[in-house]
């Protein structure tokens, strides 16, 4: 931890902070929305052989890591013999 961060924490506790847990809402908002997940789901349903790279070409504004998170965590697909199998909307 940097000296600057330690000073920031010391000031916060001197100003009355009483716990060490982070307060919510300080991070960047997620780019993953239900609408985007539905659009990705439609593309995967059209062609189950799509790769994350080819999905990235379809959705250039979304990072590959976010697309992978949508497909695996939000839509619950798993790669099975080159096909996306499963999914929460079946």
PDB file of N, CA and C in Angstrom:
ATOM      1  N   UNK A   1       0.851  -1.168   0.000  1.00  0.00           N
ATOM      2  CA  UNK A   1       0.000   0.000   0.000  1.00  0.00           C
ATOM      3  C   UNK A   1       0.899   1.234   0.000  1.00  0.00           C
ATOM      4  N   UNK A   2       0.542   2.196  -0.795  1.00  0.00           N
ATOM      5  CA  UNK A   2       1.355   3.405  -0.913  1.00  0.00           C
ATOM      6  C   UNK A   2       1.179   4.314   0.305  1.00  0.00           C
ATOM      7  N   UNK A   3       2.144   5.186   0.477  1.00  0.00           N
ATOM      8  CA  UNK A   3       2.089   6.154   1.579  1.00  0.00           C
ATOM      9  C   UNK A   3       0.876   7.070   1.414  1.00  0.00           C
ATOM     10  N   UNK A   4       0.587   7.448   0.176  1.00  0.00           N
ATOM     11  CA  UNK A   4      -0.568   8.309  -0.085  1.00  0.00           C
ATOM     12  C   UNK A   4      -1.882   7.649   0.328  1.00  0.00           C
ATOM     13  N   UNK A   5      -1.996   6.351   0.071  1.00  0.00           N
ATOM     14  CA  UNK A   5      -3.218   5.630   0.452  1.00  0.00           C
ATOM     15  C   UNK A   5      -3.332   5.545   1.972  1.00  0.00           C
ATOM     16  N   UNK A   6      -2.223   5.312   2.650  1.00  0.00           N
ATOM     17  CA  UNK A   6      -2.241   5.267   4.119  1.00  0.00           C
ATOM     18  C   UNK A   6      -2.687   6.617   4.676  1.00  0.00           C
ATOM     19  N   UNK A   7      -2.179   7.691   4.111  1.00  0.00           N
ATOM     20  CA  UNK A   7      -2.582   9.028   4.566  1.00  0.00           C
ATOM     21  C   UNK A   7      -4.074   9.260   4.338  1.00  0.00           C
ATOM     22  N   UNK A   8      -4.568   8.779   3.207  1.00  0.00           N
ATOM     23  CA  UNK A   8      -6.001   8.921   2.910  1.00  0.00           C
ATOM     24  C   UNK A   8      -6.843   8.192   3.956  1.00  0.00           C
ATOM     25  N   UNK A   9      -6.431   6.960   4.318  1.00  0.00           N
ATOM     26  CA  UNK A   9      -7.163   6.191   5.323  1.00  0.00           C
ATOM     27  C   UNK A   9      -7.093   6.871   6.691  1.00  0.00           C
ATOM     28  N   UNK A  10      -5.913   7.377   7.046  1.00  0.00           N
ATOM     29  CA  UNK A  10      -5.760   8.050   8.345  1.00  0.00           C
ATOM     30  C   UNK A  10      -6.700   9.253   8.411  1.00  0.00           C
ATOM     31  N   UNK A  11      -6.738  10.061   7.335  1.00  0.00           N
ATOM     32  CA  UNK A  11      -7.648  11.220   7.307  1.00  0.00           C
ATOM     33  C   UNK A  11      -9.103  10.775   7.434  1.00  0.00           C
ATOM     34  N   UNK A  12      -9.459   9.687   6.727  1.00  0.00           N
ATOM     35  CA  UNK A  12     -10.849   9.213   6.773  1.00  0.00           C
ATOM     36  C   UNK A  12     -11.248   8.806   8.192  1.00  0.00           C
ATOM     37  N   UNK A  13     -10.355   8.103   8.904  1.00  0.00           N
ATOM     38  CA  UNK A  13     -10.682   7.685  10.272  1.00  0.00           C
ATOM     39  C   UNK A  13     -10.665   8.859  11.249  1.00  0.00           C
ATOM     40  N   UNK A  14      -9.809   9.825  11.011  1.00  0.00           N
ATOM     41  CA  UNK A  14      -9.825  11.019  11.853  1.00  0.00           C
ATOM     42  C   UNK A  14     -11.109  11.815  11.645  1.00  0.00           C
ATOM     43  N   UNK A  15     -11.673  11.740  10.436  1.00  0.00           N
ATOM     44  CA  UNK A  15     -12.910  12.462  10.117  1.00  0.00           C
ATOM     45  C   UNK A  15     -14.160  11.703  10.535  1.00  0.00           C
ATOM     46  N   UNK A  16     -13.988  10.547  11.178  1.00  0.00           N
ATOM     47  CA  UNK A  16     -15.142   9.854  11.718  1.00  0.00           C
ATOM     48  C   UNK A  16     -15.492   8.520  11.072  1.00  0.00           C
ATOM     49  N   UNK A  17     -14.743   8.074  10.101  1.00  0.00           N
ATOM     50  CA  UNK A  17     -15.032   6.765   9.509  1.00  0.00           C
ATOM     51  C   UNK A  17     -14.864   5.696  10.578  1.00  0.00           C
ATOM     52  N   UNK A  18     -15.778   4.701  10.587  1.00  0.00           N
ATOM     53  CA  UNK A  18     -15.746   3.712  11.658  1.00  0.00           C
ATOM     54  C   UNK A  18     -15.535   2.278  11.186  1.00  0.00           C
ATOM     55  N   UNK A  19     -15.511   2.045   9.861  1.00  0.00           N
ATOM     56  CA  UNK A  19     -15.280   0.672   9.417  1.00  0.00           C
ATOM     57  C   UNK A  19     -14.287   0.665   8.257  1.00  0.00           C
ATOM     58  N   UNK A  20     -13.773  -0.527   7.947  1.00  0.00           N
ATOM     59  CA  UNK A  20     -12.752  -0.651   6.910  1.00  0.00           C
ATOM     60  C   UNK A  20     -13.315  -1.158   5.590  1.00  0.00           C
ATOM     61  N   UNK A  21     -14.606  -1.425   5.524  1.00  0.00           N
ATOM     62  CA  UNK A  21     -15.216  -1.963   4.311  1.00  0.00           C
ATOM     63  C   UNK A  21     -15.425  -0.859   3.287  1.00  0.00           C
ATOM     64  N   UNK A  22     -15.233  -1.216   2.019  1.00  0.00           N
ATOM     65  CA  UNK A  22     -15.436  -0.251   0.940  1.00  0.00           C
ATOM     66  C   UNK A  22     -16.903   0.126   0.835  1.00  0.00           C
ATOM     67  N   UNK A  23     -17.124   1.365   0.484  1.00  0.00           N
ATOM     68  CA  UNK A  23     -18.487   1.817   0.247  1.00  0.00           C
ATOM     69  C   UNK A  23     -18.848   1.503  -1.194  1.00  0.00           C
ATOM     70  N   UNK A  24     -20.074   1.128  -1.448  1.00  0.00           N
ATOM     71  CA  UNK A  24     -20.508   0.757  -2.793  1.00  0.00           C
ATOM     72  C   UNK A  24     -20.569   1.932  -3.737  1.00  0.00           C
ATOM     73  N   UNK A  25     -20.563   1.623  -5.028  1.00  0.00           N
ATOM     74  CA  UNK A  25     -20.748   2.639  -6.036  1.00  0.00           C
ATOM     75  C   UNK A  25     -19.508   3.422  -6.420  1.00  0.00           C
ATOM     76  N   UNK A  26     -18.350   3.019  -5.951  1.00  0.00           N
ATOM     77  CA  UNK A  26     -17.159   3.785  -6.285  1.00  0.00           C
ATOM     78  C   UNK A  26     -16.499   3.298  -7.571  1.00  0.00           C
ATOM     79  N   UNK A  27     -16.896   2.133  -8.060  1.00  0.00           N
ATOM     80  CA  UNK A  27     -16.283   1.585  -9.262  1.00  0.00           C
ATOM     81  C   UNK A  27     -16.980   2.015 -10.530  1.00  0.00           C
ATOM     82  N   UNK A  28     -16.446   1.544 -11.631  1.00  0.00           N
ATOM     83  CA  UNK A  28     -17.020   1.834 -12.935  1.00  0.00           C
ATOM     84  C   UNK A  28     -18.304   1.042 -13.119  1.00  0.00           C
ATOM     85  N   UNK A  29     -19.330   1.626 -13.722  1.00  0.00           N
ATOM     86  CA  UNK A  29     -20.564   0.864 -13.941  1.00  0.00           C
ATOM     87  C   UNK A  29     -20.336  -0.221 -14.990  1.00  0.00           C
ATOM     88  N   UNK A  30     -21.048  -1.305 -14.871  1.00  0.00           N
ATOM     89  CA  UNK A  30     -20.909  -2.426 -15.786  1.00  0.00           C
ATOM     90  C   UNK A  30     -21.473  -2.078 -17.155  1.00  0.00           C
ATOM     91  N   UNK A  31     -20.805  -2.556 -18.196  1.00  0.00           N
ATOM     92  CA  UNK A  31     -21.316  -2.364 -19.558  1.00  0.00           C
ATOM     93  C   UNK A  31     -22.319  -3.459 -19.909  1.00  0.00           C
ATOM     94  N   UNK A  32     -22.429  -4.461 -19.043  1.00  0.00           N
ATOM     95  CA  UNK A  32     -23.313  -5.588 -19.306  1.00  0.00           C
ATOM     96  C   UNK A  32     -24.727  -5.235 -18.853  1.00  0.00           C
ATOM     97  N   UNK A  33     -25.627  -5.161 -19.818  1.00  0.00           N
ATOM     98  CA  UNK A  33     -27.030  -4.886 -19.522  1.00  0.00           C
ATOM     99  C   UNK A  33     -27.867  -6.078 -19.972  1.00  0.00           C
ATOM    100  N   UNK A  34     -29.089  -6.129 -19.513  1.00  0.00           N
ATOM    101  CA  UNK A  34     -29.989  -7.211 -19.916  1.00  0.00           C
ATOM    102  C   UNK A  34     -30.244  -7.150 -21.423  1.00  0.00           C
ATOM    103  N   UNK A  35     -30.356  -5.950 -21.970  1.00  0.00           N
ATOM    104  CA  UNK A  35     -30.574  -5.781 -23.407  1.00  0.00           C
ATOM    105  C   UNK A  35     -29.398  -6.338 -24.206  1.00  0.00           C
ATOM    106  N   UNK A  36     -28.173  -6.015 -23.773  1.00  0.00           N
ATOM    107  CA  UNK A  36     -26.984  -6.527 -24.450  1.00  0.00           C
ATOM    108  C   UNK A  36     -26.914  -8.048 -24.334  1.00  0.00           C
ATOM    109  N   UNK A  37     -27.225  -8.584 -23.160  1.00  0.00           N
ATOM    110  CA  UNK A  37     -27.214 -10.036 -22.979  1.00  0.00           C
ATOM    111  C   UNK A  37     -28.224 -10.710 -23.907  1.00  0.00           C
ATOM    112  N   UNK A  38     -29.388 -10.102 -24.094  1.00  0.00           N
ATOM    113  CA  UNK A  38     -30.396 -10.653 -25.010  1.00  0.00           C
ATOM    114  C   UNK A  38     -29.901 -10.635 -26.448  1.00  0.00           C
ATOM    115  N   UNK A  39     -29.227  -9.561 -26.845  1.00  0.00           N
ATOM    116  CA  UNK A  39     -28.688  -9.477 -28.208  1.00  0.00           C
ATOM    117  C   UNK A  39     -27.612 -10.534 -28.435  1.00  0.00           C
ATOM    118  N   UNK A  40     -26.725 -10.698 -27.464  1.00  0.00           N
ATOM    119  CA  UNK A  40     -25.683 -11.725 -27.569  1.00  0.00           C
ATOM    120  C   UNK A  40     -26.329 -13.104 -27.615  1.00  0.00           C
ATOM    121  N   UNK A  41     -27.339 -13.313 -26.795  1.00  0.00           N
ATOM    122  CA  UNK A  41     -28.053 -14.591 -26.776  1.00  0.00           C
ATOM    123  C   UNK A  41     -28.643 -14.898 -28.159  1.00  0.00           C
ATOM    124  N   UNK A  42     -29.221 -13.892 -28.799  1.00  0.00           N
ATOM    125  CA  UNK A  42     -29.780 -14.084 -30.135  1.00  0.00           C
ATOM    126  C   UNK A  42     -28.718 -14.499 -31.138  1.00  0.00           C
ATOM    127  N   UNK A  43     -27.539 -13.882 -31.073  1.00  0.00           N
ATOM    128  CA  UNK A  43     -26.446 -14.239 -31.985  1.00  0.00           C
ATOM    129  C   UNK A  43     -25.964 -15.663 -31.734  1.00  0.00           C
ATOM    130  N   UNK A  44     -25.860 -16.050 -30.475  1.00  0.00           N
ATOM    131  CA  UNK A  44     -25.411 -17.404 -30.151  1.00  0.00           C
ATOM    132  C   UNK A  44     -26.444 -18.425 -30.610  1.00  0.00           C
ATOM    133  N   UNK A  45     -27.718 -18.109 -30.465  1.00  0.00           N
ATOM    134  CA  UNK A  45     -28.782 -19.021 -30.909  1.00  0.00           C
ATOM    135  C   UNK A  45     -28.771 -19.175 -32.430  1.00  0.00           C
ATOM    136  N   UNK A  46     -28.424 -18.100 -33.161  1.00  0.00           N
ATOM    137  CA  UNK A  46     -28.346 -18.164 -34.615  1.00  0.00           C
ATOM    138  C   UNK A  46     -27.228 -19.095 -35.074  1.00  0.00           C
ATOM    139  N   UNK A  47     -26.094 -19.031 -34.377  1.00  0.00           N
ATOM    140  CA  UNK A  47     -24.935 -19.825 -34.769  1.00  0.00           C
ATOM    141  C   UNK A  47     -24.181 -20.241 -33.518  1.00  0.00           C
ATOM    142  N   UNK A  48     -24.365 -21.474 -33.089  1.00  0.00           N
ATOM    143  CA  UNK A  48     -23.728 -21.954 -31.862  1.00  0.00           C
ATOM    144  C   UNK A  48     -22.238 -22.195 -32.013  1.00  0.00           C
ATOM    145  N   UNK A  49     -21.716 -22.053 -33.219  1.00  0.00           N
ATOM    146  CA  UNK A  49     -20.282 -22.211 -33.438  1.00  0.00           C
ATOM    147  C   UNK A  49     -19.525 -20.886 -33.337  1.00  0.00           C
ATOM    148  N   UNK A  50     -20.209 -19.829 -32.978  1.00  0.00           N
ATOM    149  CA  UNK A  50     -19.559 -18.531 -32.829  1.00  0.00           C
ATOM    150  C   UNK A  50     -18.468 -18.593 -31.768  1.00  0.00           C
ATOM    151  N   UNK A  51     -17.413 -17.876 -32.012  1.00  0.00           N
ATOM    152  CA  UNK A  51     -16.364 -17.723 -31.012  1.00  0.00           C
ATOM    153  C   UNK A  51     -16.510 -16.348 -30.360  1.00  0.00           C
ATOM    154  N   UNK A  52     -15.803 -16.156 -29.282  1.00  0.00           N
ATOM    155  CA  UNK A  52     -15.815 -14.849 -28.627  1.00  0.00           C
ATOM    156  C   UNK A  52     -15.246 -13.801 -29.590  1.00  0.00           C
ATOM    157  N   UNK A  53     -14.245 -14.185 -30.372  1.00  0.00           N
ATOM    158  CA  UNK A  53     -13.666 -13.248 -31.347  1.00  0.00           C
ATOM    159  C   UNK A  53     -14.683 -12.847 -32.401  1.00  0.00           C
ATOM    160  N   UNK A  54     -15.469 -13.800 -32.888  1.00  0.00           N
ATOM    161  CA  UNK A  54     -16.476 -13.449 -33.892  1.00  0.00           C
ATOM    162  C   UNK A  54     -17.609 -12.636 -33.265  1.00  0.00           C
ATOM    163  N   UNK A  55     -17.937 -12.905 -32.016  1.00  0.00           N
ATOM    164  CA  UNK A  55     -18.920 -12.068 -31.320  1.00  0.00           C
ATOM    165  C   UNK A  55     -18.378 -10.654 -31.157  1.00  0.00           C
ATOM    166  N   UNK A  56     -17.068 -10.546 -30.961  1.00  0.00           N
ATOM    167  CA  UNK A  56     -16.444  -9.241 -30.832  1.00  0.00           C
ATOM    168  C   UNK A  56     -16.592  -8.436 -32.121  1.00  0.00           C
ATOM    169  N   UNK A  57     -16.590  -9.116 -33.257  1.00  0.00           N
ATOM    170  CA  UNK A  57     -16.820  -8.431 -34.533  1.00  0.00           C
ATOM    171  C   UNK A  57     -18.265  -7.945 -34.638  1.00  0.00           C
ATOM    172  N   UNK A  58     -19.203  -8.692 -34.071  1.00  0.00           N
ATOM    173  CA  UNK A  58     -20.620  -8.312 -34.076  1.00  0.00           C
ATOM    174  C   UNK A  58     -20.907  -7.165 -33.104  1.00  0.00           C
ATOM    175  N   UNK A  59     -20.161  -7.130 -32.003  1.00  0.00           N
ATOM    176  CA  UNK A  59     -20.351  -6.119 -30.956  1.00  0.00           C
ATOM    177  C   UNK A  59     -19.013  -5.430 -30.683  1.00  0.00           C
ATOM    178  N   UNK A  60     -18.544  -4.583 -31.616  1.00  0.00           N
ATOM    179  CA  UNK A  60     -17.209  -3.986 -31.460  1.00  0.00           C
ATOM    180  C   UNK A  60     -17.087  -3.036 -30.260  1.00  0.00           C
ATOM    181  N   UNK A  61     -18.187  -2.544 -29.738  1.00  0.00           N
ATOM    182  CA  UNK A  61     -18.142  -1.614 -28.613  1.00  0.00           C
ATOM    183  C   UNK A  61     -17.950  -2.328 -27.282  1.00  0.00           C
ATOM    184  N   UNK A  62     -18.014  -3.672 -27.285  1.00  0.00           N
ATOM    185  CA  UNK A  62     -17.926  -4.458 -26.056  1.00  0.00           C
ATOM    186  C   UNK A  62     -16.614  -5.244 -26.073  1.00  0.00           C
ATOM    187  N   UNK A  63     -15.899  -5.251 -24.960  1.00  0.00           N
ATOM    188  CA  UNK A  63     -14.631  -5.973 -24.891  1.00  0.00           C
ATOM    189  C   UNK A  63     -14.862  -7.483 -24.943  1.00  0.00           C
ATOM    190  N   UNK A  64     -13.823  -8.204 -25.336  1.00  0.00           N
ATOM    191  CA  UNK A  64     -13.914  -9.664 -25.397  1.00  0.00           C
ATOM    192  C   UNK A  64     -14.149 -10.261 -24.012  1.00  0.00           C
ATOM    193  N   UNK A  65     -13.537  -9.675 -22.993  1.00  0.00           N
ATOM    194  CA  UNK A  65     -13.736 -10.208 -21.640  1.00  0.00           C
ATOM    195  C   UNK A  65     -15.182 -10.009 -21.186  1.00  0.00           C
ATOM    196  N   UNK A  66     -15.793  -8.877 -21.547  1.00  0.00           N
ATOM    197  CA  UNK A  66     -17.197  -8.655 -21.188  1.00  0.00           C
ATOM    198  C   UNK A  66     -18.097  -9.609 -21.958  1.00  0.00           C
ATOM    199  N   UNK A  67     -17.788  -9.858 -23.233  1.00  0.00           N
ATOM    200  CA  UNK A  67     -18.581 -10.812 -24.009  1.00  0.00           C
ATOM    201  C   UNK A  67     -18.460 -12.212 -23.429  1.00  0.00           C
ATOM    202  N   UNK A  68     -17.260 -12.594 -23.031  1.00  0.00           N
ATOM    203  CA  UNK A  68     -17.077 -13.914 -22.418  1.00  0.00           C
ATOM    204  C   UNK A  68     -17.877 -14.019 -21.123  1.00  0.00           C
ATOM    205  N   UNK A  69     -17.865 -12.948 -20.326  1.00  0.00           N
ATOM    206  CA  UNK A  69     -18.639 -12.933 -19.081  1.00  0.00           C
ATOM    207  C   UNK A  69     -20.134 -13.048 -19.354  1.00  0.00           C
ATOM    208  N   UNK A  70     -20.617 -12.370 -20.405  1.00  0.00           N
ATOM    209  CA  UNK A  70     -22.034 -12.456 -20.765  1.00  0.00           C
ATOM    210  C   UNK A  70     -22.393 -13.881 -21.133  1.00  0.00           C
ATOM    211  N   UNK A  71     -21.591 -14.482 -22.007  1.00  0.00           N
ATOM    212  CA  UNK A  71     -21.904 -15.825 -22.508  1.00  0.00           C
ATOM    213  C   UNK A  71     -21.823 -16.871 -21.403  1.00  0.00           C
ATOM    214  N   UNK A  72     -20.802 -16.786 -20.560  1.00  0.00           N
ATOM    215  CA  UNK A  72     -20.607 -17.835 -19.563  1.00  0.00           C
ATOM    216  C   UNK A  72     -21.341 -17.592 -18.247  1.00  0.00           C
ATOM    217  N   UNK A  73     -21.303 -16.345 -17.738  1.00  0.00           N
ATOM    218  CA  UNK A  73     -21.887 -16.087 -16.424  1.00  0.00           C
ATOM    219  C   UNK A  73     -23.351 -15.657 -16.480  1.00  0.00           C
ATOM    220  N   UNK A  74     -23.702 -14.854 -17.474  1.00  0.00           N
ATOM    221  CA  UNK A  74     -25.077 -14.359 -17.558  1.00  0.00           C
ATOM    222  C   UNK A  74     -25.988 -15.312 -18.323  1.00  0.00           C
ATOM    223  N   UNK A  75     -25.473 -15.873 -19.411  1.00  0.00           N
ATOM    224  CA  UNK A  75     -26.297 -16.775 -20.222  1.00  0.00           C
ATOM    225  C   UNK A  75     -26.065 -18.242 -19.881  1.00  0.00           C
ATOM    226  N   UNK A  76     -25.058 -18.530 -19.084  1.00  0.00           N
ATOM    227  CA  UNK A  76     -24.748 -19.878 -18.599  1.00  0.00           C
ATOM    228  C   UNK A  76     -24.457 -20.873 -19.727  1.00  0.00           C
ATOM    229  N   UNK A  77     -23.774 -20.409 -20.768  1.00  0.00           N
ATOM    230  CA  UNK A  77     -23.339 -21.310 -21.829  1.00  0.00           C
ATOM    231  C   UNK A  77     -21.960 -21.850 -21.488  1.00  0.00           C
ATOM    232  N   UNK A  78     -21.688 -23.054 -21.967  1.00  0.00           N
ATOM    233  CA  UNK A  78     -20.372 -23.668 -21.869  1.00  0.00           C
ATOM    234  C   UNK A  78     -20.012 -24.195 -23.238  1.00  0.00           C
ATOM    235  N   UNK A  79     -18.737 -24.115 -23.601  1.00  0.00           N
ATOM    236  CA  UNK A  79     -18.281 -24.620 -24.887  1.00  0.00           C
ATOM    237  C   UNK A  79     -18.241 -26.137 -24.807  1.00  0.00           C
ATOM    238  N   UNK A  80     -18.898 -26.807 -25.759  1.00  0.00           N
ATOM    239  CA  UNK A  80     -18.963 -28.259 -25.783  1.00  0.00           C
ATOM    240  C   UNK A  80     -18.764 -28.718 -27.218  1.00  0.00           C
ATOM    241  N   UNK A  81     -17.612 -29.289 -27.506  1.00  0.00           N
ATOM    242  CA  UNK A  81     -17.313 -29.772 -28.859  1.00  0.00           C
ATOM    243  C   UNK A  81     -17.562 -28.695 -29.910  1.00  0.00           C
ATOM    244  N   UNK A  82     -17.001 -27.528 -29.699  1.00  0.00           N
ATOM    245  CA  UNK A  82     -17.088 -26.385 -30.604  1.00  0.00           C
ATOM    246  C   UNK A  82     -18.458 -25.725 -30.655  1.00  0.00           C
ATOM    247  N   UNK A  83     -19.402 -26.148 -29.836  1.00  0.00           N
ATOM    248  CA  UNK A  83     -20.731 -25.531 -29.812  1.00  0.00           C
ATOM    249  C   UNK A  83     -20.984 -24.948 -28.434  1.00  0.00           C
ATOM    250  N   UNK A  84     -21.753 -23.863 -28.385  1.00  0.00           N
ATOM    251  CA  UNK A  84     -22.202 -23.330 -27.108  1.00  0.00           C
ATOM    252  C   UNK A  84     -23.423 -24.134 -26.687  1.00  0.00           C
ATOM    253  N   UNK A  85     -23.350 -24.737 -25.514  1.00  0.00           N
ATOM    254  CA  UNK A  85     -24.441 -25.581 -25.035  1.00  0.00           C
ATOM    255  C   UNK A  85     -24.981 -25.011 -23.727  1.00  0.00           C
ATOM    256  N   UNK A  86     -26.260 -25.297 -23.471  1.00  0.00           N
ATOM    257  CA  UNK A  86     -26.887 -24.829 -22.236  1.00  0.00           C
ATOM    258  C   UNK A  86     -27.539 -23.487 -22.457  1.00  0.00           C
ATOM    259  N   UNK A  87     -27.532 -22.701 -21.439  1.00  0.00           N
ATOM    260  CA  UNK A  87     -28.118 -21.377 -21.522  1.00  0.00           C
ATOM    261  C   UNK A  87     -29.330 -21.259 -20.640  1.00  0.00           C
ATOM    262  N   UNK A  88     -29.586 -20.067 -20.171  1.00  0.00           N
ATOM    263  CA  UNK A  88     -30.689 -19.885 -19.232  1.00  0.00           C
ATOM    264  C   UNK A  88     -32.013 -19.651 -19.909  1.00  0.00           C
ATOM    265  N   UNK A  89     -32.053 -19.377 -21.210  1.00  0.00           N
ATOM    266  CA  UNK A  89     -33.309 -19.036 -21.878  1.00  0.00           C
ATOM    267  C   UNK A  89     -33.853 -20.180 -22.727  1.00  0.00           C
ATOM    268  N   UNK A  90     -33.453 -21.395 -22.471  1.00  0.00           N
ATOM    269  CA  UNK A  90     -33.922 -22.506 -23.306  1.00  0.00           C
ATOM    270  C   UNK A  90     -35.230 -23.049 -22.815  1.00  0.00           C
TER     271      UNK A  90
END
